[in-house]
Amino acid sequence: MEQEEGLSDLAKEVVREMNRLGMMVDVSHISDKAFWNVISITTKPVIASRSSARAICNHPRNLSDDMLKAIAQNGCVVQVCILSDYVKNIPPDSRYDSAYNILRERYHHFENLTPDEKNRFVEILIVFRSFIHVG
């Protein structure tokens, strides 16, 4: 397993420059260490443009409760990702995985979540994580 990397010195400077310019830093799909680097450096709100919660689905691209709390405390924005792979714990099944991946690509990552499942995730973020901005 690769060791998790944080931000390089150059990337830290980029965060500072983005803050200076009024640009939001996107923390979706970066390593945990890089996330905490950004949070410790930024002086402006950040955005998680396509993230879900690990408490709902333990996927490495999702955000931990501590990360979500840090984002909420900073007045940041979370754009909810309701792609089923990041919201539902679906057990792997090698018989179907390759065929499913082909279908996903062909039909542009169709979703198989019910409206109730989507709403549940958004409600959890709003009620329990005290977010002001959830999309």
C-alpha atoms as a PDB file:
ATOM      1  CA  MET A   1       0.000   0.000   0.000  1.00  0.00           C
ATOM      2  CA  GLU A   2       1.312   3.442  -0.925  1.00  0.00           C
ATOM      3  CA  GLN A   3       2.059   5.864   1.854  1.00  0.00           C
ATOM      4  CA  GLU A   4      -0.442   8.694   1.980  1.00  0.00           C
ATOM      5  CA  GLU A   5       1.048  11.962   0.820  1.00  0.00           C
ATOM      6  CA  GLY A   6       0.194  15.444   1.955  1.00  0.00           C
ATOM      7  CA  LEU A   7       0.663  18.679   0.050  1.00  0.00           C
ATOM      8  CA  SER A   8       4.020  19.544  -1.465  1.00  0.00           C
ATOM      9  CA  ASP A   9       5.551  22.930  -0.687  1.00  0.00           C
ATOM     10  CA  LEU A  10       4.393  24.146  -4.098  1.00  0.00           C
ATOM     11  CA  ALA A  11       0.824  22.964  -3.440  1.00  0.00           C
ATOM     12  CA  LYS A  12       0.822  24.805  -0.097  1.00  0.00           C
ATOM     13  CA  GLU A  13       1.813  27.978  -1.933  1.00  0.00           C
ATOM     14  CA  VAL A  14      -0.979  27.364  -4.449  1.00  0.00           C
ATOM     15  CA  VAL A  15      -3.507  27.165  -1.578  1.00  0.00           C
ATOM     16  CA  ARG A  16      -2.234  30.478  -0.198  1.00  0.00           C
ATOM     17  CA  GLU A  17      -2.409  32.098  -3.642  1.00  0.00           C
ATOM     18  CA  MET A  18      -5.932  30.768  -4.217  1.00  0.00           C
ATOM     19  CA  ASN A  19      -6.923  32.309  -0.870  1.00  0.00           C
ATOM     20  CA  ARG A  20      -5.380  35.624  -1.907  1.00  0.00           C
ATOM     21  CA  LEU A  21      -7.256  35.575  -5.228  1.00  0.00           C
ATOM     22  CA  GLY A  22     -10.564  34.595  -3.623  1.00  0.00           C
ATOM     23  CA  MET A  23     -10.656  31.145  -5.226  1.00  0.00           C
ATOM     24  CA  MET A  24     -12.090  28.187  -3.321  1.00  0.00           C
ATOM     25  CA  VAL A  25      -9.857  25.153  -2.819  1.00  0.00           C
ATOM     26  CA  ASP A  26     -11.608  21.862  -3.653  1.00  0.00           C
ATOM     27  CA  VAL A  27     -10.859  19.144  -1.079  1.00  0.00           C
ATOM     28  CA  SER A  28     -12.777  16.316  -2.772  1.00  0.00           C
ATOM     29  CA  HIS A  29     -10.772  13.215  -3.622  1.00  0.00           C
ATOM     30  CA  ILE A  30      -7.503  14.276  -2.031  1.00  0.00           C
ATOM     31  CA  SER A  31      -5.697  12.201   0.576  1.00  0.00           C
ATOM     32  CA  ASP A  32      -6.603  12.613   4.235  1.00  0.00           C
ATOM     33  CA  LYS A  33      -3.211  14.126   4.922  1.00  0.00           C
ATOM     34  CA  ALA A  34      -3.597  16.621   2.061  1.00  0.00           C
ATOM     35  CA  PHE A  35      -7.072  17.512   3.354  1.00  0.00           C
ATOM     36  CA  TRP A  36      -5.702  18.365   6.799  1.00  0.00           C
ATOM     37  CA  ASN A  37      -2.849  20.319   5.186  1.00  0.00           C
ATOM     38  CA  VAL A  38      -5.386  22.440   3.290  1.00  0.00           C
ATOM     39  CA  ILE A  39      -7.529  22.996   6.395  1.00  0.00           C
ATOM     40  CA  SER A  40      -4.484  24.079   8.411  1.00  0.00           C
ATOM     41  CA  ILE A  41      -3.296  26.501   5.700  1.00  0.00           C
ATOM     42  CA  THR A  42      -6.475  28.043   4.322  1.00  0.00           C
ATOM     43  CA  THR A  43      -7.767  31.354   5.560  1.00  0.00           C
ATOM     44  CA  LYS A  44     -10.887  31.131   3.391  1.00  0.00           C
ATOM     45  CA  PRO A  45     -13.737  28.626   3.070  1.00  0.00           C
ATOM     46  CA  VAL A  46     -13.043  25.524   0.984  1.00  0.00           C
ATOM     47  CA  ILE A  47     -15.404  23.384  -1.072  1.00  0.00           C
ATOM     48  CA  ALA A  48     -15.888  19.634  -1.148  1.00  0.00           C
ATOM     49  CA  SER A  49     -17.429  19.608  -4.630  1.00  0.00           C
ATOM     50  CA  ARG A  50     -18.302  15.919  -4.811  1.00  0.00           C
ATOM     51  CA  SER A  51     -18.035  14.163  -1.479  1.00  0.00           C
ATOM     52  CA  SER A  52     -19.994  11.791   0.695  1.00  0.00           C
ATOM     53  CA  ALA A  53     -19.633  10.701   4.307  1.00  0.00           C
ATOM     54  CA  ARG A  54     -17.540   7.719   5.406  1.00  0.00           C
ATOM     55  CA  ALA A  55     -20.032   7.167   8.226  1.00  0.00           C
ATOM     56  CA  ILE A  56     -22.572   6.205   5.569  1.00  0.00           C
ATOM     57  CA  CYS A  57     -20.213   4.410   3.178  1.00  0.00           C
ATOM     58  CA  ASN A  58     -16.610   3.666   4.130  1.00  0.00           C
ATOM     59  CA  HIS A  59     -15.049   4.610   0.816  1.00  0.00           C
ATOM     60  CA  PRO A  60     -11.586   6.257   0.849  1.00  0.00           C
ATOM     61  CA  ARG A  61     -12.837   9.122  -1.326  1.00  0.00           C
ATOM     62  CA  ASN A  62     -15.490  10.003   1.257  1.00  0.00           C
ATOM     63  CA  LEU A  63     -14.938  12.384   4.167  1.00  0.00           C
ATOM     64  CA  SER A  64     -14.658  11.311   7.798  1.00  0.00           C
ATOM     65  CA  ASP A  65     -16.824  12.868  10.510  1.00  0.00           C
ATOM     66  CA  ASP A  66     -13.826  14.891  11.689  1.00  0.00           C
ATOM     67  CA  MET A  67     -13.305  16.199   8.152  1.00  0.00           C
ATOM     68  CA  LEU A  68     -16.977  17.119   7.807  1.00  0.00           C
ATOM     69  CA  LYS A  69     -16.876  18.919  11.165  1.00  0.00           C
ATOM     70  CA  ALA A  70     -13.765  20.845  10.099  1.00  0.00           C
ATOM     71  CA  ILE A  71     -15.485  21.876   6.877  1.00  0.00           C
ATOM     72  CA  ALA A  72     -18.607  22.984   8.765  1.00  0.00           C
ATOM     73  CA  GLN A  73     -16.564  24.987  11.285  1.00  0.00           C
ATOM     74  CA  ASN A  74     -14.831  26.805   8.445  1.00  0.00           C
ATOM     75  CA  GLY A  75     -18.135  27.861   6.813  1.00  0.00           C
ATOM     76  CA  CYS A  76     -17.300  25.749   3.814  1.00  0.00           C
ATOM     77  CA  VAL A  77     -19.459  24.168   1.126  1.00  0.00           C
ATOM     78  CA  VAL A  78     -20.243  20.477   0.593  1.00  0.00           C
ATOM     79  CA  GLN A  79     -21.737  19.399  -2.718  1.00  0.00           C
ATOM     80  CA  VAL A  80     -23.206  15.981  -2.005  1.00  0.00           C
ATOM     81  CA  CYS A  81     -22.100  13.130  -4.252  1.00  0.00           C
ATOM     82  CA  ILE A  82     -24.945  10.647  -4.476  1.00  0.00           C
ATOM     83  CA  LEU A  83     -23.252   8.198  -6.828  1.00  0.00           C
ATOM     84  CA  SER A  84     -24.222   4.869  -5.311  1.00  0.00           C
ATOM     85  CA  ASP A  85     -20.627   3.638  -4.973  1.00  0.00           C
ATOM     86  CA  TYR A  86     -19.978   6.451  -2.489  1.00  0.00           C
ATOM     87  CA  VAL A  87     -23.232   6.207  -0.540  1.00  0.00           C
ATOM     88  CA  LYS A  88     -24.020   2.485  -0.410  1.00  0.00           C
ATOM     89  CA  ASN A  89     -21.780  -0.303   0.844  1.00  0.00           C
ATOM     90  CA  ILE A  90     -22.215  -2.746  -2.014  1.00  0.00           C
ATOM     91  CA  PRO A  91     -20.390  -6.047  -1.508  1.00  0.00           C
ATOM     92  CA  PRO A  92     -18.014  -6.868  -4.371  1.00  0.00           C
ATOM     93  CA  ASP A  93     -19.052  -9.645  -6.727  1.00  0.00           C
ATOM     94  CA  SER A  94     -16.478 -10.496  -9.379  1.00  0.00           C
ATOM     95  CA  ARG A  95     -19.143 -12.170 -11.542  1.00  0.00           C
ATOM     96  CA  TYR A  96     -20.823  -8.842 -12.115  1.00  0.00           C
ATOM     97  CA  ASP A  97     -18.103  -6.246 -11.621  1.00  0.00           C
ATOM     98  CA  SER A  98     -16.694  -6.206 -15.157  1.00  0.00           C
ATOM     99  CA  ALA A  99     -20.136  -6.175 -16.785  1.00  0.00           C
ATOM    100  CA  TYR A 100     -21.314  -3.481 -14.376  1.00  0.00           C
ATOM    101  CA  ASN A 101     -18.288  -1.327 -15.186  1.00  0.00           C
ATOM    102  CA  ILE A 102     -19.027  -1.597 -18.908  1.00  0.00           C
ATOM    103  CA  LEU A 103     -22.638  -0.550 -18.299  1.00  0.00           C
ATOM    104  CA  ARG A 104     -21.518   2.322 -16.093  1.00  0.00           C
ATOM    105  CA  GLU A 105     -19.261   3.683 -18.791  1.00  0.00           C
ATOM    106  CA  ARG A 106     -21.857   3.229 -21.503  1.00  0.00           C
ATOM    107  CA  TYR A 107     -24.691   4.822 -19.525  1.00  0.00           C
ATOM    108  CA  HIS A 108     -22.638   7.549 -17.871  1.00  0.00           C
ATOM    109  CA  HIS A 109     -22.495   6.200 -14.330  1.00  0.00           C
ATOM    110  CA  PHE A 110     -26.231   5.693 -13.958  1.00  0.00           C
ATOM    111  CA  GLU A 111     -27.401   5.906 -10.421  1.00  0.00           C
ATOM    112  CA  ASN A 112     -29.331   3.248  -8.584  1.00  0.00           C
ATOM    113  CA  LEU A 113     -30.254   5.184  -5.476  1.00  0.00           C
ATOM    114  CA  THR A 114     -33.824   5.799  -4.480  1.00  0.00           C
ATOM    115  CA  PRO A 115     -34.988   9.355  -3.731  1.00  0.00           C
ATOM    116  CA  ASP A 116     -35.264   8.353  -0.054  1.00  0.00           C
ATOM    117  CA  GLU A 117     -31.599   7.261  -0.001  1.00  0.00           C
ATOM    118  CA  LYS A 118     -30.523  10.561  -1.550  1.00  0.00           C
ATOM    119  CA  ASN A 119     -32.637  12.590   0.870  1.00  0.00           C
ATOM    120  CA  ARG A 120     -31.342  10.620   3.861  1.00  0.00           C
ATOM    121  CA  PHE A 121     -27.773  11.562   3.043  1.00  0.00           C
ATOM    122  CA  VAL A 122     -28.548  15.256   2.610  1.00  0.00           C
ATOM    123  CA  GLU A 123     -30.584  15.307   5.845  1.00  0.00           C
ATOM    124  CA  ILE A 124     -27.717  13.727   7.779  1.00  0.00           C
ATOM    125  CA  LEU A 125     -25.314  16.392   6.549  1.00  0.00           C
ATOM    126  CA  ILE A 126     -27.680  19.236   7.350  1.00  0.00           C
ATOM    127  CA  VAL A 127     -28.979  18.064  10.723  1.00  0.00           C
ATOM    128  CA  PHE A 128     -26.012  16.315  12.277  1.00  0.00           C
ATOM    129  CA  ARG A 129     -23.109  18.156  10.736  1.00  0.00           C
ATOM    130  CA  SER A 130     -24.530  21.704  11.010  1.00  0.00           C
ATOM    131  CA  PHE A 131     -23.754  22.672   7.433  1.00  0.00           C
ATOM    132  CA  ILE A 132     -24.942  25.980   6.139  1.00  0.00           C
ATOM    133  CA  HIS A 133     -24.257  25.223   2.457  1.00  0.00           C
ATOM    134  CA  VAL A 134     -25.215  21.766   1.142  1.00  0.00           C
ATOM    135  CA  GLY A 135     -25.967  21.085  -2.523  1.00  0.00           C
END
